[in-house]
Amino acid sequence: DGAWYAAGTGLVLLGLVSAVAVIGQSLNLPRLPHLDARLDILVGLVLLAAAVTLTVRARRPDPEAGTIRMPSLGADGLGAARSLGFGMVSMCTNATTLPVMLVAVKDVIATGAPRPEQVLAVAVLLALATLPATIPLMLSLLPGGAGERLLQPLGTAVERYAKVGVRWILALVGVYILVRGFLAHLALT
């Protein structure tokens, strides 16, 4: 099931990269720098708005806090098709990875015809973006329960710090992209 989940996340990222590449080449982004700067400003504002929204929501008391409802998976887990779908939906709703990938791929595509080092850079970005799905899978393959022993403290850290980390990542990347967009826009005027 873990392999199908990881495949689902990778397929969504591959689809995003492909779509941005095709659209970017058809728009001829290097010839439209105003569009490039405005897209950066828009993405930066969306990320900052998401960070603020999550911070405000985190301060409200949640009456169901600590209540985790997991579906009954049965003896066989989710199964291949449901795991693939779950991975795809998880990546489609990933508010931290998708905007960063969108901007990075847009920058690579905007430089013109893809060169080998650009293709390698996009491949590395794809690999890094799928690490949250593939690391637990790889650790679970370690013999003698070593993976389980490594995943336990990782899971505890994620439970404790993930929400704060996501807000900081959204805010920092949002500010970076927003400033970059404003600077590019000012350079064009």
Protein backbone atom coordinates (compact mmCIF):
# COMPACT_ATOMS: atom_id res chain seq x y z
CA ASP A 1 0.00 0.00 0.00
CA GLY A 2 2.86 2.39 0.81
CA ALA A 3 4.37 1.97 -2.64
CA TRP A 4 1.04 2.80 -4.29
CA TYR A 5 0.64 5.86 -2.06
CA ALA A 6 4.13 7.08 -3.02
CA ALA A 7 3.34 6.40 -6.69
CA GLY A 8 0.19 8.51 -6.39
CA THR A 9 2.08 11.48 -4.98
CA GLY A 10 4.74 11.15 -7.67
CA LEU A 11 2.18 10.96 -10.48
CA VAL A 12 0.54 14.21 -9.38
CA LEU A 13 3.90 15.98 -9.21
CA LEU A 14 4.90 14.60 -12.60
CA GLY A 15 1.58 15.79 -14.03
CA LEU A 16 2.10 19.25 -12.52
CA VAL A 17 5.61 19.52 -13.93
CA SER A 18 4.43 18.37 -17.35
CA ALA A 19 1.50 20.80 -17.38
CA VAL A 20 3.67 23.75 -16.33
CA ALA A 21 6.26 22.78 -18.96
CA VAL A 22 3.70 22.60 -21.77
CA ILE A 23 1.85 25.76 -20.72
CA GLY A 24 5.11 27.61 -20.06
CA GLN A 25 6.50 26.75 -23.48
CA SER A 26 3.26 27.73 -25.22
CA LEU A 27 3.12 31.08 -23.36
CA ASN A 28 6.79 31.80 -24.07
CA LEU A 29 7.32 32.98 -20.49
CA PRO A 30 10.65 34.73 -21.19
CA ARG A 31 8.81 37.12 -23.49
CA LEU A 32 6.10 37.83 -20.90
CA PRO A 33 8.01 38.97 -17.79
CA HIS A 34 4.97 40.87 -16.42
CA LEU A 35 3.03 37.60 -16.29
CA ASP A 36 5.96 35.94 -14.53
CA ALA A 37 6.18 38.69 -11.87
CA ARG A 38 2.41 38.76 -11.36
CA LEU A 39 2.28 34.99 -10.96
CA ASP A 40 4.97 35.21 -8.27
CA ILE A 41 3.04 37.96 -6.47
CA LEU A 42 -0.18 35.93 -6.66
CA VAL A 43 1.43 32.72 -5.38
CA GLY A 44 3.22 34.64 -2.62
CA LEU A 45 -0.03 36.24 -1.46
CA VAL A 46 -1.86 32.91 -1.52
CA LEU A 47 0.87 31.27 0.58
CA LEU A 48 0.87 34.13 3.09
CA ALA A 49 -2.93 34.02 3.32
CA ALA A 50 -2.76 30.28 3.96
CA ALA A 51 -0.15 30.78 6.70
CA VAL A 52 -2.25 33.46 8.39
CA THR A 53 -5.42 31.37 8.11
CA LEU A 54 -3.74 28.33 9.63
CA THR A 55 -2.27 30.44 12.45
CA VAL A 56 -5.65 31.97 13.29
CA ARG A 57 -7.36 28.57 13.19
CA ALA A 58 -4.66 27.07 15.42
CA ARG A 59 -5.46 29.59 18.16
CA ARG A 60 -9.15 28.65 18.30
CA PRO A 61 -9.97 25.82 20.67
CA ASP A 62 -11.02 22.68 18.84
CA PRO A 63 -13.70 20.70 20.69
CA GLU A 64 -12.60 17.51 18.93
CA ALA A 65 -8.86 18.02 19.54
CA GLY A 66 -7.13 14.76 20.24
CA THR A 67 -9.88 12.78 18.51
CA ILE A 68 -8.48 10.96 15.52
CA ARG A 69 -10.91 9.07 13.33
CA MET A 70 -9.19 6.53 11.19
CA PRO A 71 -11.18 4.44 8.75
CA SER A 72 -11.28 0.73 9.33
CA LEU A 73 -8.66 -0.62 6.99
CA GLY A 74 -9.23 -4.31 7.52
CA ALA A 75 -6.51 -6.91 7.38
CA ASP A 76 -5.36 -5.88 3.89
CA GLY A 77 -5.02 -2.13 4.47
CA LEU A 78 -6.38 0.24 1.84
CA GLY A 79 -5.46 -1.85 -1.16
CA ALA A 80 -3.52 -0.76 -4.24
CA ALA A 81 -6.18 1.35 -5.98
CA ARG A 82 -7.29 3.20 -2.84
CA SER A 83 -3.68 3.81 -1.77
CA LEU A 84 -2.84 5.24 -5.19
CA GLY A 85 -5.90 7.48 -5.06
CA PHE A 86 -5.13 8.55 -1.50
CA GLY A 87 -1.58 9.48 -2.52
CA MET A 88 -2.89 11.49 -5.47
CA VAL A 89 -5.46 13.36 -3.38
CA SER A 90 -2.90 13.99 -0.64
CA MET A 91 -0.50 15.61 -3.09
CA CYS A 92 -3.25 17.58 -4.85
CA THR A 93 -4.16 19.16 -1.52
CA ASN A 94 -0.57 19.67 -0.38
CA ALA A 95 -0.39 23.42 0.23
CA THR A 96 3.34 23.51 0.88
CA THR A 97 4.82 21.36 -1.88
CA LEU A 98 2.68 22.33 -4.86
CA PRO A 99 3.28 26.11 -4.86
CA VAL A 100 7.02 25.68 -4.34
CA MET A 101 7.17 23.15 -7.19
CA LEU A 102 5.06 25.41 -9.42
CA VAL A 103 7.38 28.37 -8.98
CA ALA A 104 10.56 26.30 -9.31
CA VAL A 105 9.41 24.54 -12.48
CA LYS A 106 8.14 27.83 -13.92
CA ASP A 107 11.59 29.33 -13.41
CA VAL A 108 13.26 26.40 -15.16
CA ILE A 109 10.83 26.51 -18.08
CA ALA A 110 11.10 30.30 -18.42
CA THR A 111 14.80 30.05 -19.26
CA GLY A 112 14.07 28.62 -22.71
CA ALA A 113 14.57 25.18 -24.20
CA PRO A 114 15.32 22.62 -21.51
CA ARG A 115 18.98 21.79 -21.10
CA PRO A 116 20.24 18.59 -19.42
CA GLU A 117 21.06 20.41 -16.17
CA GLN A 118 17.53 21.85 -16.06
CA VAL A 119 16.00 18.42 -16.56
CA LEU A 120 18.23 17.11 -13.76
CA ALA A 121 17.20 20.01 -11.50
CA VAL A 122 13.51 19.25 -12.06
CA ALA A 123 14.13 15.53 -11.44
CA VAL A 124 15.88 16.35 -8.16
CA LEU A 125 12.97 18.62 -7.17
CA LEU A 126 10.52 15.80 -7.92
CA ALA A 127 12.57 13.37 -5.86
CA LEU A 128 12.78 15.78 -2.92
CA ALA A 129 9.06 16.51 -3.08
CA THR A 130 8.18 12.82 -2.86
CA LEU A 131 10.49 12.14 0.11
CA PRO A 132 7.72 12.46 2.73
CA ALA A 133 5.93 9.58 1.02
CA THR A 134 8.97 7.46 0.18
CA ILE A 135 11.09 7.73 3.36
CA PRO A 136 8.60 5.81 5.55
CA LEU A 137 8.25 3.23 2.79
CA MET A 138 12.03 2.76 2.54
CA LEU A 139 12.43 2.62 6.33
CA SER A 140 9.71 -0.02 6.61
CA LEU A 141 11.82 -2.29 4.38
CA LEU A 142 14.72 -2.36 6.88
CA PRO A 143 15.13 -5.78 8.52
CA GLY A 144 14.63 -6.62 12.18
CA GLY A 145 12.22 -3.82 13.04
CA ALA A 146 14.90 -1.16 12.57
CA GLY A 147 12.57 0.86 10.36
CA GLU A 148 9.84 0.80 12.98
CA ARG A 149 12.29 2.01 15.63
CA LEU A 150 13.34 4.89 13.34
CA LEU A 151 9.79 5.78 12.35
CA GLN A 152 8.50 6.01 15.92
CA PRO A 153 10.48 9.15 16.93
CA LEU A 154 9.89 10.62 13.47
CA GLY A 155 6.15 10.16 13.92
CA THR A 156 6.30 11.77 17.36
CA ALA A 157 8.21 14.77 15.98
CA VAL A 158 5.73 15.14 13.12
CA GLU A 159 2.79 15.05 15.54
CA ARG A 160 4.42 17.66 17.75
CA TYR A 161 5.89 20.11 15.21
CA ALA A 162 4.20 19.58 11.82
CA LYS A 163 1.49 22.23 12.16
CA VAL A 164 3.93 24.92 13.25
CA GLY A 165 6.42 23.84 10.59
CA VAL A 166 3.83 24.04 7.83
CA ARG A 167 2.83 27.57 8.90
CA TRP A 168 6.48 28.70 8.92
CA ILE A 169 7.22 27.09 5.56
CA LEU A 170 4.15 28.70 4.00
CA ALA A 171 5.03 32.11 5.45
CA LEU A 172 8.73 32.04 4.54
CA VAL A 173 8.24 30.74 1.01
CA GLY A 174 5.32 33.15 0.55
CA VAL A 175 7.41 36.14 1.61
CA TYR A 176 10.31 35.04 -0.60
CA ILE A 177 8.12 34.58 -3.68
CA LEU A 178 6.19 37.79 -2.99
CA VAL A 179 9.36 39.89 -2.62
CA ARG A 180 10.83 38.28 -5.72
CA GLY A 181 7.66 39.09 -7.67
CA PHE A 182 7.60 42.70 -6.47
CA LEU A 183 11.28 43.17 -7.31
CA ALA A 184 10.77 41.72 -10.80
CA HIS A 185 7.71 43.92 -11.31
CA LEU A 186 9.60 47.04 -10.17
CA ALA A 187 12.48 46.19 -12.51
CA LEU A 188 10.05 46.07 -15.44
CA THR A 189 8.45 49.45 -14.75
